[in-house]
Amino acid sequence: HYDTLRKFAFDPDARPDEHSEMLQWMFF
């Protein structure tokens, strides 16, 4: 809702693999 420029997260559509990596390490 607030990181519109995607400074701190990865766009799941434009960068799906990096988004998945982010989720994996969060869940880890």
PDB file of all heavy atoms in Angstrom:
ATOM      1  N   HIS A   1       0.788  -1.229   0.000  1.00  0.00           N
ATOM      2  CA  HIS A   1       0.000   0.000   0.000  1.00  0.00           C
ATOM      3  C   HIS A   1       0.822   1.282   0.000  1.00  0.00           C
ATOM      4  O   HIS A   1       0.324   2.321  -0.429  1.00  0.00           O
ATOM      5  CB  HIS A   1      -0.958   0.015   1.201  1.00  0.00           C
ATOM      6  CG  HIS A   1      -2.075  -0.972   1.088  1.00  0.00           C
ATOM      7  ND1 HIS A   1      -3.163  -0.772   0.269  1.00  0.00           N
ATOM      8  CD2 HIS A   1      -2.265  -2.183   1.678  1.00  0.00           C
ATOM      9  CE1 HIS A   1      -3.982  -1.803   0.360  1.00  0.00           C
ATOM     10  NE2 HIS A   1      -3.456  -2.678   1.214  1.00  0.00           N
ATOM     11  N   TYR A   2       2.058   1.223   0.490  1.00  0.00           N
ATOM     12  CA  TYR A   2       2.788   2.470   0.705  1.00  0.00           C
ATOM     13  C   TYR A   2       4.149   2.555   0.012  1.00  0.00           C
ATOM     14  O   TYR A   2       4.664   3.648  -0.179  1.00  0.00           O
ATOM     15  CB  TYR A   2       2.947   2.721   2.211  1.00  0.00           C
ATOM     16  CG  TYR A   2       1.614   3.033   2.866  1.00  0.00           C
ATOM     17  CD1 TYR A   2       0.903   2.056   3.549  1.00  0.00           C
ATOM     18  CD2 TYR A   2       1.068   4.303   2.747  1.00  0.00           C
ATOM     19  CE1 TYR A   2      -0.331   2.337   4.113  1.00  0.00           C
ATOM     20  CE2 TYR A   2      -0.160   4.598   3.312  1.00  0.00           C
ATOM     21  CZ  TYR A   2      -0.864   3.609   3.991  1.00  0.00           C
ATOM     22  OH  TYR A   2      -2.093   3.899   4.537  1.00  0.00           O
ATOM     23  N   ASP A   3       4.737   1.437  -0.371  1.00  0.00           N
ATOM     24  CA  ASP A   3       6.028   1.499  -1.074  1.00  0.00           C
ATOM     25  C   ASP A   3       5.776   1.498  -2.572  1.00  0.00           C
ATOM     26  O   ASP A   3       6.119   0.563  -3.292  1.00  0.00           O
ATOM     27  CB  ASP A   3       6.913   0.325  -0.660  1.00  0.00           C
ATOM     28  CG  ASP A   3       8.295   0.393  -1.297  1.00  0.00           C
ATOM     29  OD1 ASP A   3       8.705   1.491  -1.738  1.00  0.00           O
ATOM     30  OD2 ASP A   3       8.970  -0.651  -1.347  1.00  0.00           O
ATOM     31  N   THR A   4       5.195   2.577  -3.056  1.00  0.00           N
ATOM     32  CA  THR A   4       4.769   2.660  -4.455  1.00  0.00           C
ATOM     33  C   THR A   4       5.921   2.510  -5.435  1.00  0.00           C
ATOM     34  O   THR A   4       5.763   1.927  -6.510  1.00  0.00           O
ATOM     35  CB  THR A   4       4.074   4.010  -4.708  1.00  0.00           C
ATOM     36  OG1 THR A   4       3.090   4.219  -3.701  1.00  0.00           O
ATOM     37  CG2 THR A   4       3.419   4.039  -6.073  1.00  0.00           C
ATOM     38  N   LEU A   5       7.070   3.033  -5.082  1.00  0.00           N
ATOM     39  CA  LEU A   5       8.215   2.997  -5.986  1.00  0.00           C
ATOM     40  C   LEU A   5       9.003   1.693  -5.886  1.00  0.00           C
ATOM     41  O   LEU A   5      10.038   1.546  -6.544  1.00  0.00           O
ATOM     42  CB  LEU A   5       9.141   4.187  -5.695  1.00  0.00           C
ATOM     43  CG  LEU A   5       8.519   5.569  -5.875  1.00  0.00           C
ATOM     44  CD1 LEU A   5       9.515   6.661  -5.489  1.00  0.00           C
ATOM     45  CD2 LEU A   5       8.035   5.769  -7.305  1.00  0.00           C
ATOM     46  N   ARG A   6       8.508   0.782  -5.071  1.00  0.00           N
ATOM     47  CA  ARG A   6       9.173  -0.523  -4.900  1.00  0.00           C
ATOM     48  C   ARG A   6      10.627  -0.360  -4.475  1.00  0.00           C
ATOM     49  O   ARG A   6      11.524  -1.013  -5.009  1.00  0.00           O
ATOM     50  CB  ARG A   6       9.100  -1.339  -6.187  1.00  0.00           C
ATOM     51  CG  ARG A   6       7.690  -1.606  -6.695  1.00  0.00           C
ATOM     52  CD  ARG A   6       6.905  -2.544  -5.819  1.00  0.00           C
ATOM     53  NE  ARG A   6       5.654  -2.957  -6.441  1.00  0.00           N
ATOM     54  CZ  ARG A   6       4.717  -3.683  -5.838  1.00  0.00           C
ATOM     55  NH1 ARG A   6       4.898  -4.061  -4.589  1.00  0.00           N
ATOM     56  NH2 ARG A   6       3.625  -4.018  -6.476  1.00  0.00           N
ATOM     57  N   LYS A   7      10.840   0.509  -3.507  1.00  0.00           N
ATOM     58  CA  LYS A   7      12.182   0.710  -2.990  1.00  0.00           C
ATOM     59  C   LYS A   7      12.634  -0.426  -2.080  1.00  0.00           C
ATOM     60  O   LYS A   7      13.832  -0.696  -1.947  1.00  0.00           O
ATOM     61  CB  LYS A   7      12.248   2.029  -2.210  1.00  0.00           C
ATOM     62  CG  LYS A   7      12.046   3.288  -3.038  1.00  0.00           C
ATOM     63  CD  LYS A   7      13.244   3.546  -3.931  1.00  0.00           C
ATOM     64  CE  LYS A   7      13.117   4.894  -4.615  1.00  0.00           C
ATOM     65  NZ  LYS A   7      14.299   5.185  -5.475  1.00  0.00           N
ATOM     66  N   PHE A   8      11.675  -1.098  -1.440  1.00  0.00           N
ATOM     67  CA  PHE A   8      12.022  -2.067  -0.413  1.00  0.00           C
ATOM     68  C   PHE A   8      11.386  -3.440  -0.639  1.00  0.00           C
ATOM     69  O   PHE A   8      11.437  -4.305   0.243  1.00  0.00           O
ATOM     70  CB  PHE A   8      11.611  -1.528   0.965  1.00  0.00           C
ATOM     71  CG  PHE A   8      12.177  -0.173   1.248  1.00  0.00           C
ATOM     72  CD1 PHE A   8      11.363   0.952   1.222  1.00  0.00           C
ATOM     73  CD2 PHE A   8      13.540  -0.003   1.500  1.00  0.00           C
ATOM     74  CE1 PHE A   8      11.890   2.216   1.470  1.00  0.00           C
ATOM     75  CE2 PHE A   8      14.071   1.258   1.751  1.00  0.00           C
ATOM     76  CZ  PHE A   8      13.242   2.365   1.740  1.00  0.00           C
ATOM     77  N   ALA A   9      10.778  -3.637  -1.794  1.00  0.00           N
ATOM     78  CA  ALA A   9      10.183  -4.926  -2.142  1.00  0.00           C
ATOM     79  C   ALA A   9      10.226  -5.067  -3.658  1.00  0.00           C
ATOM     80  O   ALA A   9      10.494  -4.099  -4.376  1.00  0.00           O
ATOM     81  CB  ALA A   9       8.752  -5.030  -1.613  1.00  0.00           C
ATOM     82  N   PHE A  10       9.957  -6.267  -4.134  1.00  0.00           N
ATOM     83  CA  PHE A  10      10.044  -6.555  -5.561  1.00  0.00           C
ATOM     84  C   PHE A  10       8.653  -6.721  -6.145  1.00  0.00           C
ATOM     85  O   PHE A  10       7.794  -7.383  -5.556  1.00  0.00           O
ATOM     86  CB  PHE A  10      10.863  -7.827  -5.799  1.00  0.00           C
ATOM     87  CG  PHE A  10      12.259  -7.761  -5.242  1.00  0.00           C
ATOM     88  CD1 PHE A  10      12.548  -8.302  -3.993  1.00  0.00           C
ATOM     89  CD2 PHE A  10      13.278  -7.148  -5.955  1.00  0.00           C
ATOM     90  CE1 PHE A  10      13.828  -8.239  -3.469  1.00  0.00           C
ATOM     91  CE2 PHE A  10      14.557  -7.071  -5.438  1.00  0.00           C
ATOM     92  CZ  PHE A  10      14.838  -7.626  -4.190  1.00  0.00           C
ATOM     93  N   ASP A  11       8.442  -6.146  -7.313  1.00  0.00           N
ATOM     94  CA  ASP A  11       7.163  -6.270  -7.999  1.00  0.00           C
ATOM     95  C   ASP A  11       6.957  -7.737  -8.400  1.00  0.00           C
ATOM     96  O   ASP A  11       7.776  -8.298  -9.139  1.00  0.00           O
ATOM     97  CB  ASP A  11       7.175  -5.374  -9.241  1.00  0.00           C
ATOM     98  CG  ASP A  11       5.820  -5.299  -9.914  1.00  0.00           C
ATOM     99  OD1 ASP A  11       5.155  -6.342 -10.053  1.00  0.00           O
ATOM    100  OD2 ASP A  11       5.421  -4.188 -10.313  1.00  0.00           O
ATOM    101  N   PRO A  12       5.882  -8.374  -7.929  1.00  0.00           N
ATOM    102  CA  PRO A  12       5.692  -9.792  -8.238  1.00  0.00           C
ATOM    103  C   PRO A  12       5.459 -10.067  -9.717  1.00  0.00           C
ATOM    104  O   PRO A  12       5.685 -11.193 -10.175  1.00  0.00           O
ATOM    105  CB  PRO A  12       4.462 -10.170  -7.401  1.00  0.00           C
ATOM    106  CG  PRO A  12       3.761  -8.873  -7.146  1.00  0.00           C
ATOM    107  CD  PRO A  12       4.830  -7.836  -7.065  1.00  0.00           C
ATOM    108  N   ASP A  13       5.014  -9.068 -10.468  1.00  0.00           N
ATOM    109  CA  ASP A  13       4.791  -9.254 -11.905  1.00  0.00           C
ATOM    110  C   ASP A  13       6.060  -8.974 -12.700  1.00  0.00           C
ATOM    111  O   ASP A  13       6.421  -9.746 -13.593  1.00  0.00           O
ATOM    112  CB  ASP A  13       3.663  -8.338 -12.386  1.00  0.00           C
ATOM    113  CG  ASP A  13       2.324  -8.684 -11.749  1.00  0.00           C
ATOM    114  OD1 ASP A  13       2.041  -9.888 -11.601  1.00  0.00           O
ATOM    115  OD2 ASP A  13       1.587  -7.760 -11.387  1.00  0.00           O
ATOM    116  N   ALA A  14       6.736  -7.896 -12.385  1.00  0.00           N
ATOM    117  CA  ALA A  14       7.926  -7.509 -13.141  1.00  0.00           C
ATOM    118  C   ALA A  14       9.168  -8.289 -12.726  1.00  0.00           C
ATOM    119  O   ALA A  14      10.058  -8.527 -13.546  1.00  0.00           O
ATOM    120  CB  ALA A  14       8.171  -6.010 -12.992  1.00  0.00           C
ATOM    121  N   ARG A  15       9.226  -8.675 -11.446  1.00  0.00           N
ATOM    122  CA  ARG A  15      10.421  -9.366 -10.931  1.00  0.00           C
ATOM    123  C   ARG A  15       9.989 -10.559 -10.072  1.00  0.00           C
ATOM    124  O   ARG A  15      10.243 -10.614  -8.874  1.00  0.00           O
ATOM    125  CB  ARG A  15      11.270  -8.380 -10.129  1.00  0.00           C
ATOM    126  CG  ARG A  15      11.676  -7.154 -10.921  1.00  0.00           C
ATOM    127  CD  ARG A  15      12.304  -6.056 -10.075  1.00  0.00           C
ATOM    128  NE  ARG A  15      13.658  -6.396  -9.631  1.00  0.00           N
ATOM    129  CZ  ARG A  15      14.416  -5.569  -8.918  1.00  0.00           C
ATOM    130  NH1 ARG A  15      13.958  -4.377  -8.569  1.00  0.00           N
ATOM    131  NH2 ARG A  15      15.627  -5.932  -8.549  1.00  0.00           N
ATOM    132  N   PRO A  16       9.308 -11.525 -10.691  1.00  0.00           N
ATOM    133  CA  PRO A  16       8.708 -12.617  -9.925  1.00  0.00           C
ATOM    134  C   PRO A  16       9.713 -13.482  -9.164  1.00  0.00           C
ATOM    135  O   PRO A  16       9.424 -13.928  -8.048  1.00  0.00           O
ATOM    136  CB  PRO A  16       7.959 -13.437 -10.978  1.00  0.00           C
ATOM    137  CG  PRO A  16       8.644 -13.113 -12.273  1.00  0.00           C
ATOM    138  CD  PRO A  16       9.053 -11.676 -12.140  1.00  0.00           C
ATOM    139  N   ASP A  17      10.881 -13.736  -9.744  1.00  0.00           N
ATOM    140  CA  ASP A  17      11.855 -14.586  -9.062  1.00  0.00           C
ATOM    141  C   ASP A  17      12.413 -13.896  -7.825  1.00  0.00           C
ATOM    142  O   ASP A  17      12.567 -14.516  -6.762  1.00  0.00           O
ATOM    143  CB  ASP A  17      12.995 -14.963 -10.011  1.00  0.00           C
ATOM    144  CG  ASP A  17      12.543 -15.898 -11.121  1.00  0.00           C
ATOM    145  OD1 ASP A  17      11.400 -16.394 -11.056  1.00  0.00           O
ATOM    146  OD2 ASP A  17      13.328 -16.120 -12.061  1.00  0.00           O
ATOM    147  N   GLU A  18      12.713 -12.611  -7.950  1.00  0.00           N
ATOM    148  CA  GLU A  18      13.243 -11.872  -6.812  1.00  0.00           C
ATOM    149  C   GLU A  18      12.174 -11.693  -5.733  1.00  0.00           C
ATOM    150  O   GLU A  18      12.471 -11.738  -4.534  1.00  0.00           O
ATOM    151  CB  GLU A  18      13.790 -10.521  -7.270  1.00  0.00           C
ATOM    152  CG  GLU A  18      15.049 -10.652  -8.110  1.00  0.00           C
ATOM    153  CD  GLU A  18      15.381  -9.384  -8.867  1.00  0.00           C
ATOM    154  OE1 GLU A  18      14.600  -8.990  -9.752  1.00  0.00           O
ATOM    155  OE2 GLU A  18      16.435  -8.787  -8.558  1.00  0.00           O
ATOM    156  N   HIS A  19      10.937 -11.513  -6.167  1.00  0.00           N
ATOM    157  CA  HIS A  19       9.827 -11.445  -5.209  1.00  0.00           C
ATOM    158  C   HIS A  19       9.723 -12.750  -4.432  1.00  0.00           C
ATOM    159  O   HIS A  19       9.539 -12.753  -3.205  1.00  0.00           O
ATOM    160  CB  HIS A  19       8.519 -11.167  -5.952  1.00  0.00           C
ATOM    161  CG  HIS A  19       7.315 -11.153  -5.074  1.00  0.00           C
ATOM    162  ND1 HIS A  19       7.002 -10.111  -4.239  1.00  0.00           N
ATOM    163  CD2 HIS A  19       6.338 -12.084  -4.890  1.00  0.00           C
ATOM    164  CE1 HIS A  19       5.885 -10.370  -3.593  1.00  0.00           C
ATOM    165  NE2 HIS A  19       5.469 -11.567  -3.975  1.00  0.00           N
ATOM    166  N   SER A  20       9.854 -13.867  -5.140  1.00  0.00           N
ATOM    167  CA  SER A  20       9.801 -15.171  -4.473  1.00  0.00           C
ATOM    168  C   SER A  20      10.962 -15.347  -3.500  1.00  0.00           C
ATOM    169  O   SER A  20      10.781 -15.851  -2.383  1.00  0.00           O
ATOM    170  CB  SER A  20       9.813 -16.293  -5.515  1.00  0.00           C
ATOM    171  OG  SER A  20       9.812 -17.559  -4.883  1.00  0.00           O
ATOM    172  N   GLU A  21      12.157 -14.933  -3.912  1.00  0.00           N
ATOM    173  CA  GLU A  21      13.302 -14.999  -3.000  1.00  0.00           C
ATOM    174  C   GLU A  21      13.035 -14.198  -1.724  1.00  0.00           C
ATOM    175  O   GLU A  21      13.347 -14.651  -0.618  1.00  0.00           O
ATOM    176  CB  GLU A  21      14.555 -14.449  -3.678  1.00  0.00           C
ATOM    177  CG  GLU A  21      15.188 -15.352  -4.702  1.00  0.00           C
ATOM    178  CD  GLU A  21      16.471 -14.766  -5.278  1.00  0.00           C
ATOM    179  OE1 GLU A  21      16.755 -13.569  -5.033  1.00  0.00           O
ATOM    180  OE2 GLU A  21      17.183 -15.510  -5.979  1.00  0.00           O
ATOM    181  N   MET A  22      12.486 -13.024  -1.898  1.00  0.00           N
ATOM    182  CA  MET A  22      12.175 -12.182  -0.741  1.00  0.00           C
ATOM    183  C   MET A  22      11.230 -12.900   0.221  1.00  0.00           C
ATOM    184  O   MET A  22      11.459 -12.936   1.436  1.00  0.00           O
ATOM    185  CB  MET A  22      11.544 -10.870  -1.224  1.00  0.00           C
ATOM    186  CG  MET A  22      11.168  -9.901  -0.118  1.00  0.00           C
ATOM    187  SD  MET A  22      10.264  -8.461  -0.786  1.00  0.00           S
ATOM    188  CE  MET A  22       8.639  -9.200  -1.062  1.00  0.00           C
ATOM    189  N   LEU A  23      10.178 -13.501  -0.333  1.00  0.00           N
ATOM    190  CA  LEU A  23       9.226 -14.227   0.508  1.00  0.00           C
ATOM    191  C   LEU A  23       9.884 -15.429   1.183  1.00  0.00           C
ATOM    192  O   LEU A  23       9.627 -15.706   2.364  1.00  0.00           O
ATOM    193  CB  LEU A  23       8.032 -14.688  -0.326  1.00  0.00           C
ATOM    194  CG  LEU A  23       7.126 -13.597  -0.893  1.00  0.00           C
ATOM    195  CD1 LEU A  23       5.996 -14.234  -1.695  1.00  0.00           C
ATOM    196  CD2 LEU A  23       6.560 -12.705   0.207  1.00  0.00           C
ATOM    197  N   GLN A  24      10.728 -16.134   0.450  1.00  0.00           N
ATOM    198  CA  GLN A  24      11.386 -17.309   1.028  1.00  0.00           C
ATOM    199  C   GLN A  24      12.222 -16.934   2.246  1.00  0.00           C
ATOM    200  O   GLN A  24      12.172 -17.608   3.282  1.00  0.00           O
ATOM    201  CB  GLN A  24      12.263 -17.977  -0.030  1.00  0.00           C
ATOM    202  CG  GLN A  24      11.480 -18.653  -1.151  1.00  0.00           C
ATOM    203  CD  GLN A  24      12.392 -19.113  -2.265  1.00  0.00           C
ATOM    204  OE1 GLN A  24      13.351 -19.840  -2.043  1.00  0.00           O
ATOM    205  NE2 GLN A  24      12.092 -18.699  -3.499  1.00  0.00           N
ATOM    206  N   TRP A  25      12.980 -15.842   2.141  1.00  0.00           N
ATOM    207  CA  TRP A  25      13.834 -15.463   3.265  1.00  0.00           C
ATOM    208  C   TRP A  25      13.048 -14.822   4.391  1.00  0.00           C
ATOM    209  O   TRP A  25      13.424 -14.949   5.567  1.00  0.00           O
ATOM    210  CB  TRP A  25      14.985 -14.578   2.777  1.00  0.00           C
ATOM    211  CG  TRP A  25      15.975 -15.405   2.025  1.00  0.00           C
ATOM    212  CD1 TRP A  25      16.143 -15.484   0.673  1.00  0.00           C
ATOM    213  CD2 TRP A  25      16.887 -16.352   2.589  1.00  0.00           C
ATOM    214  NE1 TRP A  25      17.109 -16.408   0.359  1.00  0.00           N
ATOM    215  CE2 TRP A  25      17.589 -16.955   1.521  1.00  0.00           C
ATOM    216  CE3 TRP A  25      17.193 -16.753   3.895  1.00  0.00           C
ATOM    217  CZ2 TRP A  25      18.574 -17.934   1.715  1.00  0.00           C
ATOM    218  CZ3 TRP A  25      18.162 -17.716   4.100  1.00  0.00           C
ATOM    219  CH2 TRP A  25      18.835 -18.294   3.012  1.00  0.00           C
ATOM    220  N   MET A  26      11.920 -14.221   4.065  1.00  0.00           N
ATOM    221  CA  MET A  26      11.038 -13.745   5.129  1.00  0.00           C
ATOM    222  C   MET A  26      10.462 -14.920   5.911  1.00  0.00           C
ATOM    223  O   MET A  26      10.461 -14.926   7.148  1.00  0.00           O
ATOM    224  CB  MET A  26       9.907 -12.897   4.545  1.00  0.00           C
ATOM    225  CG  MET A  26      10.350 -11.550   4.014  1.00  0.00           C
ATOM    226  SD  MET A  26       8.986 -10.549   3.358  1.00  0.00           S
ATOM    227  CE  MET A  26       8.143 -10.105   4.887  1.00  0.00           C
ATOM    228  N   PHE A  27       9.998 -15.936   5.188  1.00  0.00           N
ATOM    229  CA  PHE A  27       9.403 -17.088   5.861  1.00  0.00           C
ATOM    230  C   PHE A  27      10.456 -17.903   6.611  1.00  0.00           C
ATOM    231  O   PHE A  27      10.171 -18.493   7.655  1.00  0.00           O
ATOM    232  CB  PHE A  27       8.660 -17.971   4.853  1.00  0.00           C
ATOM    233  CG  PHE A  27       7.471 -17.304   4.209  1.00  0.00           C
ATOM    234  CD1 PHE A  27       6.883 -17.846   3.075  1.00  0.00           C
ATOM    235  CD2 PHE A  27       6.950 -16.124   4.713  1.00  0.00           C
ATOM    236  CE1 PHE A  27       5.794 -17.237   2.483  1.00  0.00           C
ATOM    237  CE2 PHE A  27       5.859 -15.505   4.126  1.00  0.00           C
ATOM    238  CZ  PHE A  27       5.269 -16.069   3.001  1.00  0.00           C
ATOM    239  N   PHE A  28      11.676 -17.917   6.088  1.00  0.00           N
ATOM    240  CA  PHE A  28      12.779 -18.569   6.785  1.00  0.00           C
ATOM    241  C   PHE A  28      12.978 -17.933   8.165  1.00  0.00           C
ATOM    242  O   PHE A  28      13.134 -18.627   9.178  1.00  0.00           O
ATOM    243  CB  PHE A  28      14.053 -18.443   5.958  1.00  0.00           C
ATOM    244  CG  PHE A  28      15.319 -18.768   6.693  1.00  0.00           C
ATOM    245  CD1 PHE A  28      15.708 -20.088   6.891  1.00  0.00           C
ATOM    246  CD2 PHE A  28      16.121 -17.751   7.206  1.00  0.00           C
ATOM    247  CE1 PHE A  28      16.882 -20.385   7.583  1.00  0.00           C
ATOM    248  CE2 PHE A  28      17.294 -18.041   7.886  1.00  0.00           C
ATOM    249  CZ  PHE A  28      17.666 -19.364   8.086  1.00  0.00           C
TER     250      PHE A  28
END
